[in-house]
Protein backbone atom coordinates (compact mmCIF):
# COMPACT_ATOMS: atom_id res chain seq x y z
CA MET A 1 -67.74 80.80 -102.36
CA GLN A 2 -70.73 81.53 -100.18
CA LYS A 3 -71.09 80.64 -96.48
CA LEU A 4 -74.11 78.49 -95.73
CA VAL A 5 -76.62 79.80 -93.24
CA SER A 6 -78.93 76.76 -93.09
CA SER A 7 -79.79 73.44 -94.67
CA LYS A 8 -82.93 71.32 -94.93
CA LYS A 9 -83.50 67.65 -95.61
CA MET A 10 -85.61 66.91 -98.67
CA GLU A 11 -86.90 63.64 -100.12
CA ASN A 12 -83.87 62.95 -102.34
CA GLY A 13 -81.17 65.15 -100.85
CA ILE A 14 -80.43 68.38 -99.02
CA VAL A 15 -81.20 72.00 -99.86
CA VAL A 16 -78.61 74.53 -98.69
CA PHE A 17 -79.19 78.26 -98.15
CA TRP A 18 -76.91 81.30 -98.14
CA ILE A 19 -77.28 85.08 -98.23
CA GLU A 20 -76.13 86.87 -101.37
CA ARG A 21 -76.59 90.63 -101.77
CA GLY A 22 -79.23 90.65 -99.04
CA GLU A 23 -81.27 87.85 -100.64
CA LYS A 24 -81.64 84.30 -99.38
CA LYS A 25 -80.52 81.94 -102.16
CA TYR A 26 -80.57 78.16 -102.32
CA ASP A 27 -79.31 75.14 -104.22
CA SER A 28 -80.07 71.45 -103.83
CA PHE A 29 -77.79 68.44 -103.81
CA ASN A 30 -78.97 64.86 -104.10
CA TYR A 31 -77.42 62.18 -101.92
CA SER A 32 -75.38 60.77 -104.80
CA GLU A 33 -73.75 64.18 -105.37
CA LEU A 34 -72.98 64.51 -101.66
CA ILE A 35 -71.36 61.08 -101.60
CA ASP A 36 -69.25 61.95 -104.67
CA MET A 37 -68.06 65.14 -102.90
CA LYS A 38 -67.38 63.15 -99.71
CA ILE A 39 -69.85 65.31 -97.76
CA ASN A 40 -71.45 63.80 -94.66
CA ALA A 41 -75.17 64.54 -95.07
CA PHE A 42 -75.88 64.37 -91.33
CA ASP A 43 -73.05 66.81 -90.57
CA LEU A 44 -74.29 69.15 -93.31
CA LEU A 45 -77.74 69.18 -91.71
CA GLU A 46 -76.42 69.66 -88.18
CA HIS A 47 -73.61 72.15 -88.94
CA PRO A 48 -74.34 74.02 -92.19
CA ALA A 49 -72.12 76.95 -91.11
CA SER A 50 -69.14 74.59 -91.43
CA TYR A 51 -69.63 74.50 -95.21
CA GLN A 52 -69.34 76.79 -98.21
CA VAL A 53 -71.01 76.45 -101.58
CA ASP A 54 -69.37 77.11 -104.93
CA VAL A 55 -72.45 78.31 -106.77
CA GLU A 56 -70.88 78.29 -110.25
CA GLY A 57 -69.33 74.84 -109.84
CA HIS A 58 -72.28 73.34 -107.91
CA ASN A 59 -69.93 72.05 -105.18
CA LEU A 60 -69.86 72.05 -101.41
CA ILE A 61 -66.63 72.51 -99.50
CA VAL A 62 -65.89 72.03 -95.81
CA LYS A 63 -64.51 75.22 -94.26
CA LYS A 64 -61.26 74.69 -92.42
């Protein structure tokens, strides 16, 4: 799991960013995927540090 450092709205979804081994990495999620994962897109954009990404599983998880 990687902690998100930022997120950005794109045309069909949201791109999330994290730091891995000193490099900024990213992955994108379309709105349908976010809905399936029960992720609030607005909250993800406003509070990306509240989320973690499972890079291998292509999932987002809310940190508790």
